[in-house]
Amino acid sequence: MQLREDVRFLPARDVERTATLTSLGRRDVLVLFDYRRYEQDKVVMAGLLRERGGKVLLFTDTWLSPVTSRADVVLPCRVTAPSPYDSQVPTLAVTETVVAGVVETLGDAAHEHLRKAEDVAQHLGLV
């Protein structure tokens, strides 16, 4: 949303989430992050958007989320770590690479949008 218009997070509250999902269509891309202890609602969301002609980009682990069967692009990342917890560091690196590709594709428009957002943030005293 800092780089272009019409980018939103899915709201946490059910009513707002339902309204947002209802408005999605063929020009939309749903970006999902789904890792072990996979969430069934993500499978449903991906299926809903695919039925409407939209695209699904999935970040997941090497065991592959069930969303994989409904995703247009699957970016699996290793999550193994020396600690007892899965690491999201590889996912962060892949996410940053995707963002860099988006910036390159959008070109000057992305930089201009970001500059305007920075100007507004400064005007509001946020930075």
C-alpha atoms as a PDB file:
ATOM      1  CA  MET A   1       0.000   0.000   0.000  1.00  0.00           C
ATOM      2  CA  GLN A   2       3.006   2.293   0.277  1.00  0.00           C
ATOM      3  CA  LEU A   3       3.867   1.646  -3.376  1.00  0.00           C
ATOM      4  CA  ARG A   4       0.496   1.714  -5.161  1.00  0.00           C
ATOM      5  CA  GLU A   5      -3.217   2.330  -4.731  1.00  0.00           C
ATOM      6  CA  ASP A   6      -5.841  -0.287  -3.853  1.00  0.00           C
ATOM      7  CA  VAL A   7      -3.692  -2.516  -1.646  1.00  0.00           C
ATOM      8  CA  ARG A   8      -5.303  -3.618   1.621  1.00  0.00           C
ATOM      9  CA  PHE A   9      -4.751  -5.974   4.508  1.00  0.00           C
ATOM     10  CA  LEU A  10      -7.594  -8.369   5.187  1.00  0.00           C
ATOM     11  CA  PRO A  11      -9.333  -7.034   8.283  1.00  0.00           C
ATOM     12  CA  ALA A  12      -9.237  -9.152  11.430  1.00  0.00           C
ATOM     13  CA  ARG A  13     -12.910  -8.706  12.299  1.00  0.00           C
ATOM     14  CA  ASP A  14     -15.282 -11.109  10.568  1.00  0.00           C
ATOM     15  CA  VAL A  15     -17.732  -8.505   9.265  1.00  0.00           C
ATOM     16  CA  GLU A  16     -15.024  -6.364   7.650  1.00  0.00           C
ATOM     17  CA  ARG A  17     -13.150  -9.419   6.354  1.00  0.00           C
ATOM     18  CA  THR A  18     -16.331 -10.744   4.753  1.00  0.00           C
ATOM     19  CA  ALA A  19     -17.009  -7.377   3.106  1.00  0.00           C
ATOM     20  CA  THR A  20     -13.475  -7.194   1.732  1.00  0.00           C
ATOM     21  CA  LEU A  21     -13.557 -10.759   0.389  1.00  0.00           C
ATOM     22  CA  THR A  22     -16.956 -10.099  -1.162  1.00  0.00           C
ATOM     23  CA  SER A  23     -15.513  -7.247  -3.218  1.00  0.00           C
ATOM     24  CA  LEU A  24     -12.586  -9.230  -4.660  1.00  0.00           C
ATOM     25  CA  GLY A  25     -12.643 -10.188  -8.336  1.00  0.00           C
ATOM     26  CA  ARG A  26     -10.619 -10.981 -11.444  1.00  0.00           C
ATOM     27  CA  ARG A  27      -8.278  -7.991 -11.109  1.00  0.00           C
ATOM     28  CA  ASP A  28      -7.262  -8.858  -7.549  1.00  0.00           C
ATOM     29  CA  VAL A  29      -4.336 -10.777  -6.104  1.00  0.00           C
ATOM     30  CA  LEU A  30      -4.618 -12.380  -2.684  1.00  0.00           C
ATOM     31  CA  VAL A  31      -1.269 -12.817  -0.919  1.00  0.00           C
ATOM     32  CA  LEU A  32      -1.388 -15.516   1.739  1.00  0.00           C
ATOM     33  CA  PHE A  33       1.169 -16.711   4.275  1.00  0.00           C
ATOM     34  CA  ASP A  34       0.326 -20.224   5.482  1.00  0.00           C
ATOM     35  CA  TYR A  35       2.703 -22.390   7.506  1.00  0.00           C
ATOM     36  CA  ARG A  36       2.415 -25.621   9.478  1.00  0.00           C
ATOM     37  CA  ARG A  37      -0.731 -25.827  11.508  1.00  0.00           C
ATOM     38  CA  TYR A  38      -2.262 -24.590   8.300  1.00  0.00           C
ATOM     39  CA  GLU A  39      -5.446 -22.541   8.487  1.00  0.00           C
ATOM     40  CA  GLN A  40      -8.482 -23.892   6.645  1.00  0.00           C
ATOM     41  CA  ASP A  41      -9.969 -20.424   6.110  1.00  0.00           C
ATOM     42  CA  LYS A  42      -7.047 -19.618   3.815  1.00  0.00           C
ATOM     43  CA  VAL A  43      -7.963 -22.542   1.560  1.00  0.00           C
ATOM     44  CA  VAL A  44     -11.523 -21.238   1.405  1.00  0.00           C
ATOM     45  CA  MET A  45     -10.384 -17.650   0.678  1.00  0.00           C
ATOM     46  CA  ALA A  46      -8.068 -18.811  -2.097  1.00  0.00           C
ATOM     47  CA  GLY A  47     -10.832 -20.909  -3.640  1.00  0.00           C
ATOM     48  CA  LEU A  48     -13.270 -18.020  -3.473  1.00  0.00           C
ATOM     49  CA  LEU A  49     -10.944 -15.659  -5.295  1.00  0.00           C
ATOM     50  CA  ARG A  50      -9.974 -18.254  -7.913  1.00  0.00           C
ATOM     51  CA  GLU A  51     -13.689 -18.826  -8.665  1.00  0.00           C
ATOM     52  CA  ARG A  52     -13.930 -15.101  -9.411  1.00  0.00           C
ATOM     53  CA  GLY A  53     -10.907 -15.156 -11.708  1.00  0.00           C
ATOM     54  CA  GLY A  54      -8.446 -13.561  -9.299  1.00  0.00           C
ATOM     55  CA  LYS A  55      -4.919 -14.724  -8.544  1.00  0.00           C
ATOM     56  CA  VAL A  56      -3.431 -16.214  -5.392  1.00  0.00           C
ATOM     57  CA  LEU A  57       0.199 -15.834  -4.298  1.00  0.00           C
ATOM     58  CA  LEU A  58       1.178 -18.204  -1.489  1.00  0.00           C
ATOM     59  CA  PHE A  59       4.149 -18.077   0.846  1.00  0.00           C
ATOM     60  CA  THR A  60       4.447 -21.410   2.666  1.00  0.00           C
ATOM     61  CA  ASP A  61       6.896 -23.889   4.143  1.00  0.00           C
ATOM     62  CA  THR A  62       8.528 -26.805   2.324  1.00  0.00           C
ATOM     63  CA  TRP A  63       5.746 -29.152   3.474  1.00  0.00           C
ATOM     64  CA  LEU A  64       3.347 -27.031   1.400  1.00  0.00           C
ATOM     65  CA  SER A  65       0.109 -25.599   2.661  1.00  0.00           C
ATOM     66  CA  PRO A  66      -3.155 -27.075   1.355  1.00  0.00           C
ATOM     67  CA  VAL A  67      -3.633 -23.691  -0.367  1.00  0.00           C
ATOM     68  CA  THR A  68      -0.979 -24.842  -2.854  1.00  0.00           C
ATOM     69  CA  SER A  69      -3.629 -26.556  -4.977  1.00  0.00           C
ATOM     70  CA  ARG A  70      -5.474 -23.236  -5.400  1.00  0.00           C
ATOM     71  CA  ALA A  71      -2.515 -20.888  -5.729  1.00  0.00           C
ATOM     72  CA  ASP A  72      -1.202 -19.434  -8.970  1.00  0.00           C
ATOM     73  CA  VAL A  73       2.246 -18.875  -7.481  1.00  0.00           C
ATOM     74  CA  VAL A  74       3.731 -20.852  -4.585  1.00  0.00           C
ATOM     75  CA  LEU A  75       6.879 -19.625  -2.843  1.00  0.00           C
ATOM     76  CA  PRO A  76       8.010 -22.293  -0.379  1.00  0.00           C
ATOM     77  CA  CYS A  77      10.606 -21.350   2.227  1.00  0.00           C
ATOM     78  CA  ARG A  78      12.639 -23.418   4.642  1.00  0.00           C
ATOM     79  CA  VAL A  79      11.647 -22.803   8.225  1.00  0.00           C
ATOM     80  CA  THR A  80      13.995 -25.141  10.065  1.00  0.00           C
ATOM     81  CA  ALA A  81      16.124 -23.476  12.707  1.00  0.00           C
ATOM     82  CA  PRO A  82      18.486 -24.526  15.499  1.00  0.00           C
ATOM     83  CA  SER A  83      15.883 -23.424  18.030  1.00  0.00           C
ATOM     84  CA  PRO A  84      12.644 -25.296  18.758  1.00  0.00           C
ATOM     85  CA  TYR A  85      10.754 -22.640  16.757  1.00  0.00           C
ATOM     86  CA  ASP A  86      10.323 -22.335  13.013  1.00  0.00           C
ATOM     87  CA  SER A  87      12.240 -19.435  11.501  1.00  0.00           C
ATOM     88  CA  GLN A  88      10.517 -16.846   9.346  1.00  0.00           C
ATOM     89  CA  VAL A  89      13.830 -15.286   8.290  1.00  0.00           C
ATOM     90  CA  PRO A  90      13.849 -17.047   4.882  1.00  0.00           C
ATOM     91  CA  THR A  91      10.262 -15.920   4.301  1.00  0.00           C
ATOM     92  CA  LEU A  92      11.260 -12.340   5.053  1.00  0.00           C
ATOM     93  CA  ALA A  93      14.069 -12.557   2.485  1.00  0.00           C
ATOM     94  CA  VAL A  94      11.724 -13.940  -0.182  1.00  0.00           C
ATOM     95  CA  THR A  95       9.107 -11.287   0.667  1.00  0.00           C
ATOM     96  CA  GLU A  96      11.714  -8.537   0.283  1.00  0.00           C
ATOM     97  CA  THR A  97      12.705  -9.986  -3.091  1.00  0.00           C
ATOM     98  CA  VAL A  98       9.083  -9.973  -4.257  1.00  0.00           C
ATOM     99  CA  VAL A  99       8.674  -6.361  -3.094  1.00  0.00           C
ATOM    100  CA  ALA A 100      11.847  -5.393  -4.996  1.00  0.00           C
ATOM    101  CA  GLY A 101      10.362  -6.972  -8.122  1.00  0.00           C
ATOM    102  CA  VAL A 102       7.116  -5.063  -7.639  1.00  0.00           C
ATOM    103  CA  VAL A 103       9.034  -1.789  -7.250  1.00  0.00           C
ATOM    104  CA  GLU A 104      11.011  -2.506 -10.411  1.00  0.00           C
ATOM    105  CA  THR A 105       7.842  -3.365 -12.341  1.00  0.00           C
ATOM    106  CA  LEU A 106       5.948  -0.282 -11.147  1.00  0.00           C
ATOM    107  CA  GLY A 107       8.966   1.933 -11.820  1.00  0.00           C
ATOM    108  CA  ASP A 108       8.702   5.659 -11.213  1.00  0.00           C
ATOM    109  CA  ALA A 109       5.046   5.408 -10.175  1.00  0.00           C
ATOM    110  CA  ALA A 110       6.021   3.385  -7.088  1.00  0.00           C
ATOM    111  CA  HIS A 111       8.690   5.879  -6.074  1.00  0.00           C
ATOM    112  CA  GLU A 112       6.301   8.798  -6.581  1.00  0.00           C
ATOM    113  CA  HIS A 113       3.585   7.100  -4.527  1.00  0.00           C
ATOM    114  CA  LEU A 114       6.065   6.409  -1.724  1.00  0.00           C
ATOM    115  CA  ARG A 115       7.312  10.016  -1.843  1.00  0.00           C
ATOM    116  CA  LYS A 116       3.750  11.344  -1.519  1.00  0.00           C
ATOM    117  CA  ALA A 117       3.087   9.011   1.411  1.00  0.00           C
ATOM    118  CA  GLU A 118       6.259  10.236   3.130  1.00  0.00           C
ATOM    119  CA  ASP A 119       5.177  13.843   2.593  1.00  0.00           C
ATOM    120  CA  VAL A 120       1.787  13.146   4.201  1.00  0.00           C
ATOM    121  CA  ALA A 121       3.415  11.269   7.097  1.00  0.00           C
ATOM    122  CA  GLN A 122       5.753  14.215   7.729  1.00  0.00           C
ATOM    123  CA  HIS A 123       2.872  16.675   7.498  1.00  0.00           C
ATOM    124  CA  LEU A 124       0.993  14.640  10.114  1.00  0.00           C
ATOM    125  CA  GLY A 125       4.076  14.475  12.348  1.00  0.00           C
ATOM    126  CA  LEU A 126       4.359  10.690  12.064  1.00  0.00           C
ATOM    127  CA  VAL A 127       8.018  10.688  11.006  1.00  0.00           C
END
